[in-house]
N, C-alpha and C. Protein backbone atom coordinates (compact mmCIF):
# COMPACT_ATOMS: atom_id res chain seq x y z
N MET A 1 1.08 -29.26 -30.26
CA MET A 1 0.41 -29.26 -28.96
C MET A 1 0.65 -27.93 -28.25
N THR A 2 -0.39 -27.32 -27.73
CA THR A 2 -0.25 -26.04 -27.04
C THR A 2 -0.39 -26.25 -25.54
N THR A 3 0.23 -25.40 -24.80
CA THR A 3 0.15 -25.48 -23.34
C THR A 3 -0.42 -24.16 -22.81
N GLU A 4 -1.17 -24.22 -21.76
CA GLU A 4 -1.73 -23.03 -21.17
C GLU A 4 -0.67 -22.30 -20.35
N LYS A 5 -0.68 -20.98 -20.42
CA LYS A 5 0.25 -20.17 -19.66
C LYS A 5 -0.11 -20.22 -18.18
N ASP A 6 0.90 -20.38 -17.32
CA ASP A 6 0.67 -20.43 -15.88
C ASP A 6 0.36 -19.03 -15.36
N THR A 7 -0.84 -18.87 -14.86
CA THR A 7 -1.26 -17.56 -14.35
C THR A 7 -1.42 -17.57 -12.83
N SER A 8 -0.88 -18.60 -12.17
CA SER A 8 -1.02 -18.68 -10.72
C SER A 8 -0.24 -17.55 -10.06
N LEU A 9 -0.77 -17.07 -8.95
CA LEU A 9 -0.16 -15.95 -8.23
C LEU A 9 0.76 -16.48 -7.14
N ASP A 10 1.96 -15.91 -7.08
CA ASP A 10 2.92 -16.28 -6.04
C ASP A 10 2.56 -15.49 -4.79
N LEU A 11 1.79 -16.11 -3.90
CA LEU A 11 1.33 -15.41 -2.70
C LEU A 11 2.47 -15.15 -1.72
N ALA A 12 3.55 -15.91 -1.82
CA ALA A 12 4.70 -15.66 -0.95
C ALA A 12 5.39 -14.35 -1.35
N ALA A 13 5.42 -14.06 -2.66
CA ALA A 13 6.05 -12.83 -3.14
C ALA A 13 5.14 -11.63 -2.94
N TRP A 14 3.83 -11.85 -3.01
CA TRP A 14 2.86 -10.76 -2.88
C TRP A 14 1.88 -11.11 -1.76
N PRO A 15 2.33 -11.01 -0.51
CA PRO A 15 1.50 -11.46 0.61
C PRO A 15 0.32 -10.54 0.89
N ALA A 16 -0.70 -11.13 1.48
CA ALA A 16 -1.83 -10.35 1.97
C ALA A 16 -1.54 -9.91 3.40
N LEU A 17 -2.34 -8.99 3.90
CA LEU A 17 -2.24 -8.60 5.30
C LEU A 17 -2.66 -9.78 6.17
N ALA A 18 -1.90 -10.05 7.23
CA ALA A 18 -2.18 -11.21 8.07
C ALA A 18 -3.57 -11.09 8.71
N ASP A 19 -3.90 -9.90 9.17
CA ASP A 19 -5.22 -9.62 9.74
C ASP A 19 -5.82 -8.50 8.89
N PRO A 20 -6.59 -8.83 7.86
CA PRO A 20 -7.05 -7.82 6.89
C PRO A 20 -7.72 -6.60 7.51
N ILE A 21 -8.49 -6.79 8.57
CA ILE A 21 -9.20 -5.66 9.16
C ILE A 21 -8.28 -4.81 10.00
N HIS A 22 -7.64 -5.41 11.00
CA HIS A 22 -6.84 -4.64 11.94
C HIS A 22 -5.54 -4.14 11.32
N ASP A 23 -4.89 -4.97 10.49
CA ASP A 23 -3.65 -4.53 9.84
C ASP A 23 -3.93 -3.41 8.85
N SER A 24 -5.05 -3.51 8.14
CA SER A 24 -5.42 -2.45 7.20
C SER A 24 -5.68 -1.15 7.94
N GLN A 25 -6.37 -1.22 9.07
CA GLN A 25 -6.62 -0.01 9.86
C GLN A 25 -5.33 0.57 10.40
N ARG A 26 -4.42 -0.30 10.83
CA ARG A 26 -3.14 0.17 11.36
C ARG A 26 -2.33 0.86 10.27
N CYS A 27 -2.25 0.25 9.09
CA CYS A 27 -1.53 0.86 7.98
C CYS A 27 -2.16 2.19 7.58
N PHE A 28 -3.48 2.22 7.54
CA PHE A 28 -4.18 3.43 7.16
C PHE A 28 -3.86 4.57 8.13
N ARG A 29 -3.85 4.27 9.43
CA ARG A 29 -3.52 5.29 10.42
C ARG A 29 -2.08 5.78 10.24
N GLN A 30 -1.16 4.88 9.90
CA GLN A 30 0.23 5.27 9.71
C GLN A 30 0.39 6.14 8.47
N VAL A 31 -0.35 5.82 7.41
CA VAL A 31 -0.31 6.66 6.21
C VAL A 31 -0.85 8.05 6.53
N LEU A 32 -1.96 8.11 7.26
CA LEU A 32 -2.51 9.41 7.66
C LEU A 32 -1.51 10.17 8.54
N GLY A 33 -0.81 9.43 9.41
CA GLY A 33 0.20 10.06 10.24
C GLY A 33 1.33 10.65 9.41
N ALA A 34 1.74 9.93 8.37
CA ALA A 34 2.79 10.43 7.49
C ALA A 34 2.35 11.68 6.75
N LEU A 35 1.09 11.73 6.31
CA LEU A 35 0.58 12.89 5.59
C LEU A 35 0.37 14.09 6.53
N SER A 36 0.04 13.83 7.79
CA SER A 36 -0.20 14.92 8.73
C SER A 36 1.09 15.49 9.30
N GLU A 37 2.18 14.73 9.23
CA GLU A 37 3.49 15.20 9.66
C GLU A 37 4.48 15.02 8.50
N PRO A 38 4.43 15.90 7.52
CA PRO A 38 5.21 15.72 6.30
C PRO A 38 6.69 15.47 6.56
N GLY A 39 7.21 14.47 5.86
CA GLY A 39 8.63 14.15 5.95
C GLY A 39 9.01 13.25 7.11
N LYS A 40 8.13 13.08 8.08
CA LYS A 40 8.44 12.22 9.23
C LYS A 40 8.23 10.77 8.84
N ARG A 41 9.26 9.95 9.07
CA ARG A 41 9.20 8.56 8.63
C ARG A 41 8.33 7.70 9.55
N GLN A 42 7.61 6.79 8.92
CA GLN A 42 6.83 5.78 9.62
C GLN A 42 7.41 4.41 9.23
N THR A 43 7.35 3.46 10.15
CA THR A 43 7.79 2.09 9.87
C THR A 43 6.58 1.20 9.74
N LEU A 44 6.41 0.61 8.55
CA LEU A 44 5.29 -0.29 8.29
C LEU A 44 5.82 -1.71 8.13
N THR A 45 5.35 -2.61 8.97
CA THR A 45 5.75 -4.03 8.87
C THR A 45 4.49 -4.89 9.01
N PRO A 46 3.57 -4.80 8.05
CA PRO A 46 2.32 -5.53 8.18
C PRO A 46 2.41 -7.01 7.84
N PHE A 47 3.56 -7.45 7.31
CA PHE A 47 3.75 -8.86 6.97
C PHE A 47 5.23 -9.13 6.80
N GLN A 48 5.59 -10.40 6.69
CA GLN A 48 6.96 -10.79 6.46
C GLN A 48 7.25 -10.79 4.95
N GLY A 49 8.51 -10.60 4.60
CA GLY A 49 8.89 -10.64 3.20
C GLY A 49 8.96 -9.25 2.60
N SER A 50 9.38 -9.20 1.34
CA SER A 50 9.51 -7.93 0.64
C SER A 50 9.03 -8.10 -0.80
N PRO A 51 7.85 -7.57 -1.12
CA PRO A 51 7.33 -7.69 -2.48
C PRO A 51 8.33 -7.14 -3.50
N PRO A 52 8.46 -7.78 -4.66
CA PRO A 52 9.46 -7.38 -5.66
C PRO A 52 9.37 -5.92 -6.05
N HIS A 53 10.48 -5.20 -5.87
CA HIS A 53 10.66 -3.81 -6.33
C HIS A 53 9.85 -2.77 -5.55
N LEU A 54 8.94 -3.18 -4.69
CA LEU A 54 8.10 -2.21 -4.00
C LEU A 54 8.50 -1.98 -2.56
N GLY A 55 8.86 -3.02 -1.86
CA GLY A 55 9.12 -2.91 -0.44
C GLY A 55 7.86 -3.11 0.38
N VAL A 56 8.05 -3.40 1.65
CA VAL A 56 6.94 -3.71 2.54
C VAL A 56 6.00 -2.52 2.72
N ALA A 57 6.57 -1.33 2.91
CA ALA A 57 5.75 -0.16 3.25
C ALA A 57 4.76 0.20 2.14
N LEU A 58 5.23 0.28 0.91
CA LEU A 58 4.33 0.69 -0.17
C LEU A 58 3.33 -0.41 -0.53
N TRP A 59 3.75 -1.67 -0.45
CA TRP A 59 2.80 -2.74 -0.72
C TRP A 59 1.71 -2.74 0.35
N GLY A 60 2.10 -2.56 1.61
CA GLY A 60 1.11 -2.45 2.66
C GLY A 60 0.19 -1.26 2.47
N THR A 61 0.74 -0.15 1.98
CA THR A 61 -0.07 1.04 1.70
C THR A 61 -1.11 0.76 0.62
N LEU A 62 -0.68 0.08 -0.43
CA LEU A 62 -1.62 -0.28 -1.50
C LEU A 62 -2.74 -1.17 -0.98
N LEU A 63 -2.38 -2.16 -0.16
CA LEU A 63 -3.40 -3.07 0.37
C LEU A 63 -4.38 -2.35 1.28
N ALA A 64 -3.88 -1.33 2.00
CA ALA A 64 -4.74 -0.60 2.94
C ALA A 64 -5.63 0.43 2.24
N LEU A 65 -5.15 1.03 1.15
CA LEU A 65 -5.87 2.14 0.53
C LEU A 65 -6.73 1.74 -0.66
N CYS A 66 -6.43 0.63 -1.29
CA CYS A 66 -7.12 0.26 -2.53
C CYS A 66 -8.32 -0.65 -2.27
N ASP A 67 -9.35 -0.45 -3.08
CA ASP A 67 -10.53 -1.32 -3.03
C ASP A 67 -11.14 -1.37 -4.42
N LEU A 68 -12.36 -1.87 -4.50
CA LEU A 68 -13.01 -2.07 -5.80
C LEU A 68 -13.24 -0.77 -6.56
N GLU A 69 -13.30 0.35 -5.84
CA GLU A 69 -13.56 1.64 -6.48
C GLU A 69 -12.28 2.40 -6.85
N THR A 70 -11.14 1.86 -6.47
CA THR A 70 -9.87 2.56 -6.66
C THR A 70 -9.30 2.31 -8.05
N ARG A 71 -8.75 3.38 -8.64
CA ARG A 71 -8.11 3.28 -9.96
C ARG A 71 -6.61 3.53 -9.79
N VAL A 72 -5.81 2.61 -10.31
CA VAL A 72 -4.36 2.66 -10.13
C VAL A 72 -3.66 2.67 -11.48
N TRP A 73 -2.71 3.58 -11.61
CA TRP A 73 -1.83 3.66 -12.79
C TRP A 73 -0.43 3.23 -12.35
N ILE A 74 0.23 2.41 -13.15
CA ILE A 74 1.55 1.89 -12.81
C ILE A 74 2.57 2.35 -13.83
N GLY A 75 3.67 2.94 -13.35
CA GLY A 75 4.74 3.37 -14.24
C GLY A 75 5.41 2.18 -14.92
N ALA A 76 5.97 2.44 -16.11
CA ALA A 76 6.49 1.36 -16.95
C ALA A 76 7.59 0.55 -16.26
N ASP A 77 8.43 1.20 -15.44
CA ASP A 77 9.54 0.46 -14.86
C ASP A 77 9.13 -0.42 -13.68
N LEU A 78 7.91 -0.26 -13.19
CA LEU A 78 7.40 -1.14 -12.13
C LEU A 78 6.33 -2.10 -12.63
N ASP A 79 5.80 -1.82 -13.79
CA ASP A 79 4.68 -2.59 -14.32
C ASP A 79 5.11 -4.03 -14.63
N SER A 80 4.30 -4.96 -14.19
CA SER A 80 4.54 -6.37 -14.49
C SER A 80 3.23 -7.11 -14.37
N ALA A 81 3.16 -8.26 -15.05
CA ALA A 81 1.95 -9.07 -14.98
C ALA A 81 1.69 -9.54 -13.55
N SER A 82 2.75 -9.88 -12.82
CA SER A 82 2.57 -10.38 -11.46
C SER A 82 2.05 -9.29 -10.52
N LEU A 83 2.55 -8.05 -10.66
CA LEU A 83 2.04 -6.95 -9.84
C LEU A 83 0.58 -6.67 -10.14
N ARG A 84 0.24 -6.62 -11.41
CA ARG A 84 -1.15 -6.37 -11.79
C ARG A 84 -2.07 -7.45 -11.23
N GLN A 85 -1.63 -8.69 -11.36
CA GLN A 85 -2.45 -9.81 -10.88
C GLN A 85 -2.59 -9.76 -9.36
N ALA A 86 -1.49 -9.47 -8.67
CA ALA A 86 -1.53 -9.43 -7.21
C ALA A 86 -2.41 -8.29 -6.71
N LEU A 87 -2.32 -7.12 -7.34
CA LEU A 87 -3.09 -5.97 -6.90
C LEU A 87 -4.59 -6.19 -7.10
N THR A 88 -4.96 -6.73 -8.24
CA THR A 88 -6.39 -6.99 -8.47
C THR A 88 -6.89 -8.14 -7.61
N PHE A 89 -6.04 -9.14 -7.37
CA PHE A 89 -6.44 -10.28 -6.55
C PHE A 89 -6.70 -9.86 -5.11
N HIS A 90 -5.79 -9.08 -4.53
CA HIS A 90 -5.89 -8.71 -3.12
C HIS A 90 -6.86 -7.56 -2.86
N THR A 91 -7.00 -6.63 -3.80
CA THR A 91 -7.78 -5.42 -3.53
C THR A 91 -8.97 -5.21 -4.46
N GLY A 92 -8.93 -5.80 -5.64
CA GLY A 92 -9.99 -5.56 -6.62
C GLY A 92 -9.86 -4.23 -7.33
N ALA A 93 -8.74 -3.52 -7.10
CA ALA A 93 -8.55 -2.20 -7.71
C ALA A 93 -8.55 -2.31 -9.24
N ARG A 94 -9.00 -1.23 -9.88
CA ARG A 94 -9.03 -1.18 -11.34
C ARG A 94 -7.73 -0.54 -11.85
N LEU A 95 -7.10 -1.17 -12.80
CA LEU A 95 -5.86 -0.65 -13.38
C LEU A 95 -6.19 0.16 -14.62
N VAL A 96 -5.62 1.37 -14.71
CA VAL A 96 -5.92 2.26 -15.82
C VAL A 96 -4.64 2.63 -16.55
N ASP A 97 -4.77 2.90 -17.84
CA ASP A 97 -3.64 3.32 -18.66
C ASP A 97 -3.52 4.84 -18.75
N ASP A 98 -4.58 5.54 -18.39
CA ASP A 98 -4.59 7.01 -18.44
C ASP A 98 -4.29 7.54 -17.04
N PRO A 99 -3.12 8.19 -16.84
CA PRO A 99 -2.79 8.68 -15.49
C PRO A 99 -3.76 9.73 -14.97
N ALA A 100 -4.46 10.42 -15.86
CA ALA A 100 -5.41 11.45 -15.43
C ALA A 100 -6.63 10.84 -14.74
N LEU A 101 -6.84 9.53 -14.92
CA LEU A 101 -7.98 8.86 -14.30
C LEU A 101 -7.62 8.19 -12.99
N ALA A 102 -6.33 8.21 -12.63
CA ALA A 102 -5.86 7.41 -11.50
C ALA A 102 -6.08 8.11 -10.17
N ASP A 103 -6.51 7.31 -9.18
CA ASP A 103 -6.53 7.79 -7.80
C ASP A 103 -5.12 7.68 -7.21
N PHE A 104 -4.41 6.63 -7.61
CA PHE A 104 -3.03 6.43 -7.17
C PHE A 104 -2.16 6.09 -8.37
N ALA A 105 -0.94 6.62 -8.35
CA ALA A 105 0.03 6.32 -9.40
C ALA A 105 1.26 5.73 -8.74
N LEU A 106 1.64 4.53 -9.16
CA LEU A 106 2.78 3.83 -8.60
C LEU A 106 3.96 4.00 -9.55
N LEU A 107 5.05 4.58 -9.06
CA LEU A 107 6.17 4.90 -9.94
C LEU A 107 7.46 5.04 -9.15
N THR A 108 8.54 5.29 -9.87
CA THR A 108 9.84 5.61 -9.28
C THR A 108 10.23 7.01 -9.74
N PRO A 109 11.19 7.65 -9.07
CA PRO A 109 11.65 8.96 -9.57
C PRO A 109 12.17 8.89 -10.99
N GLU A 110 12.78 7.76 -11.35
CA GLU A 110 13.34 7.63 -12.69
C GLU A 110 12.26 7.61 -13.77
N SER A 111 11.09 7.10 -13.43
CA SER A 111 10.01 7.04 -14.42
C SER A 111 9.10 8.26 -14.35
N PHE A 112 9.35 9.16 -13.39
CA PHE A 112 8.51 10.34 -13.27
C PHE A 112 8.77 11.31 -14.41
N ASP A 113 7.70 11.76 -15.04
CA ASP A 113 7.78 12.74 -16.11
C ASP A 113 6.91 13.93 -15.71
N PRO A 114 7.48 15.12 -15.55
CA PRO A 114 6.68 16.28 -15.13
C PRO A 114 5.51 16.57 -16.06
N ALA A 115 5.59 16.09 -17.29
CA ALA A 115 4.51 16.36 -18.24
C ALA A 115 3.35 15.36 -18.14
N THR A 116 3.50 14.33 -17.31
CA THR A 116 2.42 13.36 -17.16
C THR A 116 1.18 14.04 -16.58
N PRO A 117 0.04 13.89 -17.23
CA PRO A 117 -1.16 14.64 -16.81
C PRO A 117 -1.91 14.00 -15.65
N PHE A 118 -1.28 13.93 -14.47
CA PHE A 118 -1.98 13.42 -13.31
C PHE A 118 -3.11 14.36 -12.93
N ALA A 119 -4.16 13.79 -12.34
CA ALA A 119 -5.30 14.62 -11.92
C ALA A 119 -4.88 15.55 -10.79
N MET A 120 -5.31 16.80 -10.88
CA MET A 120 -4.97 17.82 -9.89
C MET A 120 -6.13 18.15 -8.96
N GLY A 121 -7.30 17.59 -9.24
CA GLY A 121 -8.49 17.98 -8.50
C GLY A 121 -9.00 19.33 -9.00
N SER A 122 -9.98 19.88 -8.31
CA SER A 122 -10.54 21.18 -8.68
C SER A 122 -10.76 21.99 -7.42
N ASP A 123 -11.09 23.26 -7.58
CA ASP A 123 -11.36 24.09 -6.41
C ASP A 123 -12.54 23.55 -5.60
N ILE A 124 -13.51 22.95 -6.28
CA ILE A 124 -14.67 22.40 -5.60
C ILE A 124 -14.37 21.02 -5.04
N TYR A 125 -13.61 20.21 -5.80
CA TYR A 125 -13.28 18.85 -5.38
C TYR A 125 -11.77 18.64 -5.42
N PRO A 126 -11.03 19.26 -4.51
CA PRO A 126 -9.56 19.11 -4.53
C PRO A 126 -9.11 17.69 -4.22
N ASP A 127 -9.99 16.89 -3.60
CA ASP A 127 -9.62 15.52 -3.26
C ASP A 127 -9.62 14.61 -4.48
N ARG A 128 -10.17 15.06 -5.58
CA ARG A 128 -10.20 14.24 -6.80
C ARG A 128 -8.90 14.40 -7.59
N SER A 129 -7.82 14.11 -6.93
CA SER A 129 -6.50 14.25 -7.51
C SER A 129 -5.76 12.92 -7.40
N THR A 130 -4.65 12.83 -8.09
CA THR A 130 -3.83 11.61 -8.05
C THR A 130 -2.82 11.71 -6.92
N THR A 131 -2.73 10.66 -6.13
CA THR A 131 -1.69 10.55 -5.12
C THR A 131 -0.57 9.68 -5.67
N LEU A 132 0.66 10.18 -5.63
CA LEU A 132 1.80 9.43 -6.12
C LEU A 132 2.33 8.51 -5.04
N LEU A 133 2.54 7.25 -5.37
CA LEU A 133 3.18 6.28 -4.49
C LEU A 133 4.55 5.99 -5.12
N VAL A 134 5.59 6.49 -4.49
CA VAL A 134 6.91 6.54 -5.13
C VAL A 134 7.89 5.59 -4.43
N VAL A 135 8.44 4.67 -5.19
CA VAL A 135 9.45 3.75 -4.68
C VAL A 135 10.81 4.44 -4.77
N VAL A 136 11.48 4.61 -3.63
CA VAL A 136 12.80 5.24 -3.60
C VAL A 136 13.80 4.32 -2.91
N GLU A 137 15.07 4.55 -3.18
CA GLU A 137 16.12 3.77 -2.53
C GLU A 137 16.59 4.43 -1.25
N THR A 138 16.44 5.75 -1.16
CA THR A 138 16.88 6.51 0.01
C THR A 138 15.68 7.22 0.63
N LEU A 139 15.57 7.15 1.95
CA LEU A 139 14.52 7.87 2.66
C LEU A 139 15.01 8.16 4.07
N VAL A 140 15.69 9.29 4.21
CA VAL A 140 16.30 9.65 5.49
C VAL A 140 16.02 11.11 5.81
N ASN A 141 16.09 11.44 7.10
CA ASN A 141 15.82 12.80 7.55
C ASN A 141 17.11 13.57 7.79
N GLN A 142 17.95 13.62 6.78
CA GLN A 142 19.19 14.39 6.90
C GLN A 142 19.66 14.81 5.51
N LEU A 143 20.29 15.98 5.45
CA LEU A 143 20.87 16.50 4.21
C LEU A 143 19.93 16.33 3.03
N GLY A 144 18.70 16.76 3.21
CA GLY A 144 17.73 16.60 2.14
C GLY A 144 17.05 17.91 1.80
N TRP A 145 15.87 17.80 1.23
CA TRP A 145 15.07 18.97 0.94
C TRP A 145 14.50 19.49 2.26
N ARG A 146 14.43 20.79 2.39
CA ARG A 146 13.91 21.42 3.60
C ARG A 146 12.40 21.60 3.46
N LEU A 147 11.66 20.92 4.32
CA LEU A 147 10.20 20.98 4.30
C LEU A 147 9.70 21.88 5.41
N SER A 148 8.64 22.61 5.13
CA SER A 148 7.99 23.45 6.15
C SER A 148 6.52 23.57 5.79
N GLY A 149 5.75 24.02 6.77
CA GLY A 149 4.33 24.18 6.54
C GLY A 149 3.51 23.43 7.57
N PRO A 150 2.23 23.20 7.31
CA PRO A 150 1.36 22.52 8.26
C PRO A 150 1.90 21.14 8.65
N GLY A 151 1.86 20.86 9.96
CA GLY A 151 2.33 19.57 10.45
C GLY A 151 3.80 19.54 10.81
N ILE A 152 4.51 20.66 10.60
CA ILE A 152 5.94 20.74 10.90
C ILE A 152 6.15 21.96 11.78
N ALA A 153 6.73 21.75 12.96
CA ALA A 153 6.89 22.85 13.91
C ALA A 153 7.72 23.99 13.32
N GLU A 154 8.88 23.66 12.79
CA GLU A 154 9.73 24.67 12.15
C GLU A 154 10.13 24.19 10.76
N SER A 155 10.97 23.17 10.71
CA SER A 155 11.35 22.60 9.43
C SER A 155 11.78 21.16 9.64
N ARG A 156 11.79 20.41 8.55
CA ARG A 156 12.23 19.01 8.60
C ARG A 156 12.89 18.67 7.28
N ASP A 157 13.99 17.96 7.33
CA ASP A 157 14.68 17.54 6.12
C ASP A 157 14.18 16.17 5.68
N LEU A 158 14.08 15.98 4.38
CA LEU A 158 13.77 14.67 3.82
C LEU A 158 14.63 14.46 2.58
N ASN A 159 15.39 13.40 2.58
CA ASN A 159 16.28 13.07 1.47
C ASN A 159 15.76 11.81 0.79
N ILE A 160 15.38 11.92 -0.48
CA ILE A 160 14.92 10.77 -1.25
C ILE A 160 15.93 10.38 -2.33
N GLY A 161 17.11 11.04 -2.31
CA GLY A 161 18.11 10.81 -3.34
C GLY A 161 18.35 12.07 -4.15
N ASP A 162 19.42 12.07 -4.92
CA ASP A 162 19.77 13.28 -5.67
C ASP A 162 19.85 13.05 -7.17
N SER A 163 19.19 12.00 -7.67
CA SER A 163 19.19 11.75 -9.10
C SER A 163 18.38 12.82 -9.82
N ALA A 164 18.51 12.87 -11.14
CA ALA A 164 17.74 13.83 -11.93
C ALA A 164 16.24 13.61 -11.74
N GLY A 165 15.84 12.34 -11.63
CA GLY A 165 14.43 12.05 -11.42
C GLY A 165 13.93 12.56 -10.08
N CYS A 166 14.75 12.39 -9.04
CA CYS A 166 14.37 12.91 -7.71
C CYS A 166 14.26 14.43 -7.74
N GLN A 167 15.19 15.08 -8.41
CA GLN A 167 15.17 16.54 -8.51
C GLN A 167 13.90 17.00 -9.22
N ALA A 168 13.56 16.34 -10.32
CA ALA A 168 12.38 16.73 -11.09
C ALA A 168 11.10 16.51 -10.29
N LEU A 169 11.04 15.40 -9.58
CA LEU A 169 9.86 15.09 -8.79
C LEU A 169 9.66 16.11 -7.66
N MET A 170 10.73 16.42 -6.94
CA MET A 170 10.60 17.36 -5.84
C MET A 170 10.29 18.78 -6.35
N LYS A 171 10.83 19.13 -7.51
CA LYS A 171 10.49 20.42 -8.10
C LYS A 171 9.00 20.48 -8.42
N ARG A 172 8.48 19.38 -8.95
CA ARG A 172 7.05 19.33 -9.27
C ARG A 172 6.20 19.43 -8.02
N LEU A 173 6.59 18.73 -6.95
CA LEU A 173 5.83 18.81 -5.71
C LEU A 173 5.91 20.21 -5.11
N GLY A 174 7.06 20.87 -5.27
CA GLY A 174 7.20 22.23 -4.77
C GLY A 174 6.29 23.21 -5.48
N ALA A 175 5.92 22.88 -6.72
CA ALA A 175 5.04 23.76 -7.50
C ALA A 175 3.58 23.67 -7.05
N ASN A 176 3.28 22.72 -6.16
CA ASN A 176 1.91 22.59 -5.66
C ASN A 176 1.39 23.87 -5.03
N ARG A 177 2.30 24.61 -4.40
CA ARG A 177 1.87 25.80 -3.68
C ARG A 177 1.16 26.80 -4.59
N ALA A 178 1.55 26.82 -5.86
CA ALA A 178 0.96 27.79 -6.80
C ALA A 178 -0.46 27.41 -7.21
N SER A 179 -0.83 26.13 -7.06
CA SER A 179 -2.15 25.68 -7.49
C SER A 179 -3.05 25.27 -6.33
N PHE A 180 -2.58 25.44 -5.10
CA PHE A 180 -3.33 25.01 -3.93
C PHE A 180 -4.72 25.70 -3.90
N PRO A 181 -5.83 24.97 -3.60
CA PRO A 181 -5.87 23.64 -2.99
C PRO A 181 -5.75 22.48 -3.97
N CYS A 182 -5.65 22.77 -5.25
CA CYS A 182 -5.42 21.69 -6.21
C CYS A 182 -3.95 21.26 -6.13
N GLY A 183 -3.67 20.06 -6.60
CA GLY A 183 -2.29 19.59 -6.58
C GLY A 183 -2.22 18.09 -6.41
N ILE A 184 -1.01 17.58 -6.28
CA ILE A 184 -0.81 16.15 -6.08
C ILE A 184 -0.04 15.93 -4.78
N ASP A 185 -0.41 14.88 -4.07
CA ASP A 185 0.29 14.47 -2.86
C ASP A 185 1.21 13.31 -3.21
N ALA A 186 2.24 13.10 -2.40
CA ALA A 186 3.19 12.02 -2.67
C ALA A 186 3.48 11.25 -1.39
N ILE A 187 3.50 9.92 -1.53
CA ILE A 187 3.89 9.02 -0.45
C ILE A 187 5.10 8.24 -0.93
N PHE A 188 6.18 8.28 -0.15
CA PHE A 188 7.43 7.62 -0.53
C PHE A 188 7.64 6.37 0.30
N GLY A 189 8.16 5.32 -0.34
CA GLY A 189 8.46 4.09 0.38
C GLY A 189 9.84 3.57 0.03
N ALA A 190 10.58 3.16 1.06
CA ALA A 190 11.88 2.51 0.89
C ALA A 190 11.95 1.38 1.90
N GLY A 191 11.82 0.15 1.44
CA GLY A 191 11.78 -0.97 2.37
C GLY A 191 10.56 -0.87 3.27
N ASP A 192 10.79 -0.86 4.59
CA ASP A 192 9.68 -0.74 5.52
C ASP A 192 9.46 0.70 6.00
N GLN A 193 10.13 1.66 5.35
CA GLN A 193 10.01 3.06 5.72
C GLN A 193 9.06 3.80 4.79
N LEU A 194 8.28 4.70 5.39
CA LEU A 194 7.29 5.47 4.64
C LEU A 194 7.35 6.92 5.09
N ALA A 195 7.22 7.84 4.14
CA ALA A 195 7.12 9.26 4.45
C ALA A 195 6.26 9.90 3.37
N ALA A 196 5.71 11.07 3.65
CA ALA A 196 4.80 11.70 2.70
C ALA A 196 5.04 13.20 2.62
N ILE A 197 4.68 13.75 1.47
CA ILE A 197 4.69 15.20 1.26
C ILE A 197 3.35 15.58 0.65
N PRO A 198 2.44 16.15 1.45
CA PRO A 198 1.17 16.61 0.90
C PRO A 198 1.34 17.93 0.16
N ARG A 199 0.33 18.32 -0.56
CA ARG A 199 0.41 19.50 -1.42
C ARG A 199 0.57 20.81 -0.64
N SER A 200 0.26 20.79 0.65
CA SER A 200 0.36 22.00 1.47
C SER A 200 1.78 22.28 1.94
N THR A 201 2.72 21.38 1.66
CA THR A 201 4.08 21.50 2.17
C THR A 201 4.94 22.40 1.27
N ARG A 202 5.70 23.27 1.89
CA ARG A 202 6.67 24.09 1.17
C ARG A 202 8.00 23.32 1.10
N ILE A 203 8.64 23.37 -0.06
CA ILE A 203 9.87 22.61 -0.29
C ILE A 203 10.96 23.56 -0.75
N ALA A 204 12.13 23.46 -0.12
CA ALA A 204 13.25 24.31 -0.50
C ALA A 204 14.53 23.50 -0.49
N GLY A 205 15.54 24.01 -1.20
CA GLY A 205 16.86 23.39 -1.18
C GLY A 205 16.91 22.07 -1.90
N GLY A 206 17.72 21.16 -1.38
CA GLY A 206 17.94 19.86 -1.97
C GLY A 206 19.10 19.17 -1.29
N PRO A 207 19.41 17.91 -1.65
CA PRO A 207 20.47 17.17 -0.99
C PRO A 207 21.84 17.81 -1.07
N SER A 208 22.07 18.66 -2.08
CA SER A 208 23.41 19.25 -2.27
C SER A 208 23.59 20.57 -1.55
N ARG A 209 22.56 21.06 -0.85
CA ARG A 209 22.70 22.37 -0.23
C ARG A 209 23.75 22.30 0.90
N PRO A 210 24.50 23.34 1.11
CA PRO A 210 25.61 23.31 2.05
C PRO A 210 25.20 23.44 3.51
N THR A 211 23.98 23.89 3.80
CA THR A 211 23.62 24.12 5.20
C THR A 211 23.36 22.81 5.91
N ALA A 212 23.52 22.85 7.25
CA ALA A 212 23.33 21.64 8.04
C ALA A 212 21.87 21.25 8.07
N ALA A 213 21.62 19.95 8.17
CA ALA A 213 20.26 19.46 8.19
C ALA A 213 19.64 19.65 9.57
N THR A 214 18.34 19.86 9.57
CA THR A 214 17.63 20.05 10.83
C THR A 214 16.32 19.30 10.77
N GLU A 215 15.99 18.62 11.87
CA GLU A 215 14.68 18.01 11.98
C GLU A 215 14.07 18.44 13.28
N VAL A 216 12.97 19.15 13.19
CA VAL A 216 12.26 19.60 14.37
C VAL A 216 10.88 19.00 14.34
N ASN A 217 10.55 18.15 15.30
CA ASN A 217 9.26 17.46 15.28
C ASN A 217 8.17 18.29 15.94
């Protein structure tokens, strides 16, 4: 006798936005705010609970940014049947196995590989690039990488951790300056906290640098 596999979605673990229209608009504005002020943290609390391994902020970001036309690539350490089912159920987004085709890539610093061929856009269409959605354990404005550039009055520190994966990821984002306007943008989430580093941001130092941290808004 065979039994059918239970494919029901745990809506408590993967909640929808309480008010799909207004909450989505609110989250979208906060994501834009994070991208326009690189490194400045935003607090996203669009629903109760904490989706497995992602946190409230990044799950809310996915719900706000993804739709039927969106292509999402998921790193191996976050990939699961429940995440795939929840993402397609709530947003209709298409899941792809080729990172070069992805509009958004969901990953952690540990699963980041600098050789992964994410889309960089082109001089004519720089917006046709992959945006990284990165789950981190640390997201604070002290003793971190020194950010400067558009949206930052002088400089701002952002610390996402000091693991080898974090170092490699930040080095890759720092290389954006050489290919601008092409490049990749990154949105970081830790619990209900969100921060972003767009390709126009200059990145220097790191968590181990001896100088004091500074945040100038």
